[in-house]
N, C-alpha and C. Protein backbone atom coordinates (compact mmCIF):
# COMPACT_ATOMS: atom_id res chain seq x y z
N MET A 1 -21.51 -23.55 13.71
CA MET A 1 -20.25 -23.10 13.95
C MET A 1 -19.16 -21.86 13.24
N PRO A 2 -18.78 -21.29 14.49
CA PRO A 2 -18.88 -19.89 14.09
C PRO A 2 -17.21 -19.86 13.08
N GLY A 3 -17.10 -18.95 12.34
CA GLY A 3 -15.91 -19.09 11.35
C GLY A 3 -14.24 -18.77 11.92
N LYS A 4 -13.91 -18.63 10.85
CA LYS A 4 -12.12 -19.31 11.48
C LYS A 4 -11.68 -17.53 12.13
N ARG A 5 -11.41 -17.86 13.23
CA ARG A 5 -10.59 -16.12 13.86
C ARG A 5 -9.30 -16.29 13.47
N ILE A 6 -9.12 -14.90 12.61
CA ILE A 6 -7.55 -14.69 12.37
C ILE A 6 -6.71 -14.62 13.84
N LYS A 7 -5.64 -14.59 13.55
CA LYS A 7 -4.84 -14.55 14.34
C LYS A 7 -4.37 -13.63 15.28
N ARG A 8 -3.85 -12.85 15.82
CA ARG A 8 -3.47 -11.84 16.12
C ARG A 8 -1.30 -11.66 15.78
N THR A 9 -0.76 -13.12 14.88
CA THR A 9 0.54 -12.91 14.85
C THR A 9 0.29 -12.08 12.99
N SER A 10 -1.12 -12.64 12.20
CA SER A 10 -1.18 -12.08 11.05
C SER A 10 -1.15 -10.56 11.30
N LEU A 11 -2.16 -9.92 12.21
CA LEU A 11 -1.48 -8.66 12.92
C LEU A 11 -0.58 -8.18 12.37
N GLU A 12 0.40 -8.39 13.34
CA GLU A 12 1.85 -8.70 13.64
C GLU A 12 2.63 -8.70 12.14
N SER A 13 2.48 -9.21 11.69
CA SER A 13 3.27 -9.99 10.54
C SER A 13 2.93 -8.37 9.80
N ALA A 14 1.72 -8.30 9.12
CA ALA A 14 0.97 -7.21 8.23
C ALA A 14 2.06 -6.39 8.73
N LEU A 15 1.93 -5.69 10.21
CA LEU A 15 2.38 -4.15 10.97
C LEU A 15 4.25 -4.37 10.37
N GLU A 16 4.93 -5.32 10.77
CA GLU A 16 6.11 -6.05 10.64
C GLU A 16 6.86 -5.36 8.72
N ILE A 17 5.65 -5.74 8.33
CA ILE A 17 6.35 -5.28 6.75
C ILE A 17 5.87 -4.12 6.08
N LEU A 18 4.63 -3.21 7.10
CA LEU A 18 4.42 -1.96 6.98
C LEU A 18 6.33 -1.01 7.07
N ALA A 19 6.68 -1.72 8.75
CA ALA A 19 7.38 -0.95 8.96
C ALA A 19 8.57 -1.14 8.68
N ASN A 20 8.96 -1.86 8.14
CA ASN A 20 10.50 -2.46 7.28
C ASN A 20 9.89 -1.18 6.14
N LYS A 21 8.79 -1.50 5.34
CA LYS A 21 8.95 -0.72 4.09
C LYS A 21 8.82 0.49 4.21
N LEU A 22 8.43 1.21 5.13
CA LEU A 22 7.80 2.99 5.22
C LEU A 22 8.79 3.33 6.42
N ASP A 23 8.79 4.90 6.28
CA ASP A 23 9.72 5.17 7.40
C ASP A 23 8.95 5.40 8.48
N SER A 24 9.88 6.45 9.43
CA SER A 24 8.32 6.41 10.97
C SER A 24 7.48 7.42 10.48
N LYS A 25 7.48 8.26 9.89
CA LYS A 25 6.39 9.09 9.43
C LYS A 25 5.12 8.74 9.06
N GLU A 26 5.77 7.91 8.08
CA GLU A 26 4.86 7.36 6.95
C GLU A 26 3.88 5.70 7.72
N TYR A 27 4.36 5.53 8.50
CA TYR A 27 4.51 4.29 9.26
C TYR A 27 3.25 5.01 10.24
N SER A 28 3.27 5.83 11.20
CA SER A 28 2.76 6.67 11.99
C SER A 28 1.30 7.06 11.01
N LYS A 29 1.17 7.61 10.40
CA LYS A 29 -0.13 7.82 9.02
C LYS A 29 -1.05 6.83 8.96
N VAL A 30 -0.31 5.59 7.77
CA VAL A 30 -0.75 4.31 8.01
C VAL A 30 -1.20 3.89 9.07
N THR A 31 -0.70 3.48 10.56
CA THR A 31 -1.66 3.28 11.30
C THR A 31 -2.58 4.10 11.94
N SER A 32 -2.21 5.49 11.63
CA SER A 32 -3.52 5.71 12.34
C SER A 32 -4.67 5.90 11.66
N VAL A 33 -4.05 5.88 10.26
CA VAL A 33 -5.91 5.49 9.76
C VAL A 33 -6.56 4.29 9.47
N MET A 34 -5.51 3.26 10.02
CA MET A 34 -5.88 1.86 10.37
C MET A 34 -6.80 1.61 11.38
N SER A 35 -6.52 2.39 12.34
CA SER A 35 -6.46 2.88 13.94
C SER A 35 -8.42 3.53 13.38
N MET A 36 -8.37 4.25 13.36
CA MET A 36 -9.38 4.86 12.18
C MET A 36 -10.38 4.03 11.81
N LEU A 37 -10.10 3.42 10.75
CA LEU A 37 -10.91 2.39 10.32
C LEU A 37 -11.74 1.55 11.51
N PHE A 38 -11.00 1.26 11.75
CA PHE A 38 -11.37 0.10 12.89
C PHE A 38 -12.32 0.60 14.07
N ILE A 39 -12.03 2.13 14.30
CA ILE A 39 -12.90 2.57 15.56
C ILE A 39 -14.29 2.95 14.72
N GLY A 40 -14.54 2.46 13.09
CA GLY A 40 -15.92 3.28 12.55
C GLY A 40 -15.79 4.54 11.78
N HIS A 41 -14.57 5.24 11.46
CA HIS A 41 -14.77 6.36 10.42
C HIS A 41 -14.48 5.85 9.61
N GLN A 42 -15.58 6.48 8.81
CA GLN A 42 -15.72 5.95 7.02
C GLN A 42 -15.10 6.72 5.85
N PHE A 43 -14.49 8.11 6.44
CA PHE A 43 -13.87 8.93 5.34
C PHE A 43 -14.35 8.79 3.89
N ASP A 44 -15.75 9.32 4.25
CA ASP A 44 -16.56 9.96 3.52
C ASP A 44 -16.82 8.51 2.50
N LEU A 45 -16.44 7.09 3.13
CA LEU A 45 -17.12 6.35 1.73
C LEU A 45 -18.21 5.48 2.32
N THR A 46 -18.69 4.40 1.28
CA THR A 46 -19.75 3.94 1.91
C THR A 46 -19.51 3.16 2.76
N PRO A 47 -20.65 2.38 3.78
CA PRO A 47 -20.02 1.51 4.89
C PRO A 47 -20.08 0.46 4.39
N ASP A 48 -20.38 -0.03 4.10
CA ASP A 48 -20.47 -1.39 3.29
C ASP A 48 -18.82 -2.14 3.28
N GLY A 49 -18.06 -1.26 2.89
CA GLY A 49 -16.76 -1.36 2.21
C GLY A 49 -16.38 -1.58 1.14
N PHE A 50 -17.14 -1.81 -0.05
CA PHE A 50 -16.84 -1.84 -1.28
C PHE A 50 -16.38 -0.81 -1.86
N GLU A 51 -16.36 0.31 -1.66
CA GLU A 51 -15.67 1.74 -2.15
C GLU A 51 -14.49 1.66 -1.74
N PHE A 52 -13.77 1.46 -0.06
CA PHE A 52 -12.78 1.57 0.34
C PHE A 52 -12.27 0.23 -0.38
N ILE A 53 -12.17 -1.32 -0.15
CA ILE A 53 -11.67 -2.27 -1.44
C ILE A 53 -11.48 -1.78 -2.90
N ASN A 54 -12.19 -0.67 -3.56
CA ASN A 54 -12.25 -0.23 -5.18
C ASN A 54 -10.60 0.87 -5.06
N LEU A 55 -11.24 1.20 -3.80
CA LEU A 55 -9.55 2.19 -3.63
C LEU A 55 -8.66 1.94 -4.10
N ALA A 56 -8.54 0.88 -2.86
CA ALA A 56 -7.50 0.14 -2.23
C ALA A 56 -6.44 -0.47 -3.59
N ILE A 57 -7.43 -0.92 -3.96
CA ILE A 57 -6.83 -1.64 -5.70
C ILE A 57 -6.71 -0.58 -6.63
N LYS A 58 -7.63 0.53 -6.70
CA LYS A 58 -7.28 1.63 -7.40
C LYS A 58 -5.68 2.22 -7.46
N ILE A 59 -5.52 2.37 -6.32
CA ILE A 59 -4.08 2.97 -5.85
C ILE A 59 -3.23 2.03 -6.06
N LYS A 60 -3.08 0.26 -5.38
CA LYS A 60 -2.51 -0.28 -6.14
C LYS A 60 -1.57 -0.68 -7.25
N LYS A 61 -2.51 -0.47 -8.22
CA LYS A 61 -2.59 -0.22 -9.96
C LYS A 61 -1.58 0.96 -10.24
N GLU A 62 -2.08 1.86 -9.75
CA GLU A 62 -1.45 3.19 -10.17
C GLU A 62 -0.02 3.28 -9.81
N SER A 63 -0.15 2.44 -9.04
CA SER A 63 1.50 2.69 -7.51
C SER A 63 1.92 1.68 -8.76
N HIS A 64 1.81 0.41 -8.81
CA HIS A 64 2.48 -0.47 -9.58
C HIS A 64 2.96 0.04 -11.00
N LYS A 65 2.13 0.93 -11.42
CA LYS A 65 2.09 1.37 -12.93
C LYS A 65 3.80 2.72 -12.83
N LYS A 66 3.58 3.21 -12.12
CA LYS A 66 4.63 4.37 -12.01
C LYS A 66 6.27 3.40 -11.43
N THR A 67 6.23 2.03 -10.82
CA THR A 67 7.03 1.57 -10.16
C THR A 67 7.86 1.14 -11.42
N PHE A 68 6.72 0.40 -12.43
CA PHE A 68 6.85 -0.20 -13.61
C PHE A 68 7.97 0.56 -14.67
N LYS A 69 6.93 1.40 -14.86
CA LYS A 69 8.18 2.99 -15.90
C LYS A 69 9.76 3.30 -15.16
N LYS A 70 9.88 3.15 -14.20
CA LYS A 70 10.64 4.05 -13.46
C LYS A 70 11.82 2.53 -13.96
N ALA A 71 10.99 1.23 -13.58
CA ALA A 71 12.09 0.21 -13.62
C ALA A 71 12.77 -0.17 -15.66
N LEU A 72 11.77 0.38 -16.15
CA LEU A 72 12.36 0.09 -17.74
C LEU A 72 13.05 1.00 -17.94
N HIS A 73 12.84 2.64 -17.43
CA HIS A 73 13.98 4.03 -18.00
C HIS A 73 15.10 3.61 -17.49
N GLY A 74 15.38 2.73 -16.14
CA GLY A 74 16.49 2.15 -15.65
C GLY A 74 17.38 1.33 -16.58
N ASN A 75 16.77 0.72 -16.90
CA ASN A 75 17.47 -0.45 -18.59
C ASN A 75 18.02 0.01 -19.59
N VAL A 76 17.64 1.69 -19.90
CA VAL A 76 17.97 2.14 -21.20
C VAL A 76 19.86 2.34 -21.43
N ILE A 77 20.26 1.19 -22.67
CA ILE A 77 21.53 1.40 -22.91
C ILE A 77 21.81 2.44 -23.91
N ARG A 78 23.28 3.04 -23.73
CA ARG A 78 23.49 3.94 -24.80
C ARG A 78 23.92 3.27 -26.09
N LEU A 79 23.82 3.21 -27.02
CA LEU A 79 24.17 2.88 -27.98
C LEU A 79 25.20 3.47 -28.61
N LYS A 80 25.30 4.79 -28.57
CA LYS A 80 26.41 5.57 -29.35
C LYS A 80 27.35 6.90 -28.28
N PRO A 81 28.38 6.37 -28.13
CA PRO A 81 29.00 7.54 -26.89
C PRO A 81 28.84 8.52 -27.01
N LYS A 82 28.97 9.56 -26.25
CA LYS A 82 28.74 11.16 -25.77
C LYS A 82 30.32 11.80 -26.85
N SER A 83 29.63 12.52 -28.02
CA SER A 83 30.31 13.11 -28.53
C SER A 83 31.10 14.51 -27.74
N SER A 84 32.45 14.61 -28.03
CA SER A 84 32.60 15.88 -27.25
C SER A 84 33.13 17.07 -27.96
């Protein structure tokens, strides 16, 4: 019995997420890299895909830390008024 096939709608919804979150230049860059991966370009990574997965996880963690720090900075409340 063959494995369950992932539907085209999954790809469409992922591309919609990208289109909504990125500007046109960023979207173009991401989809170009996706196309290159699809045709077999390895970007000097291991062919088994594990290095790519680890890189994706690392970038996501680093990106999340930056966002979290910015969010905390926005919640600072001044307790003393500025003196003139």
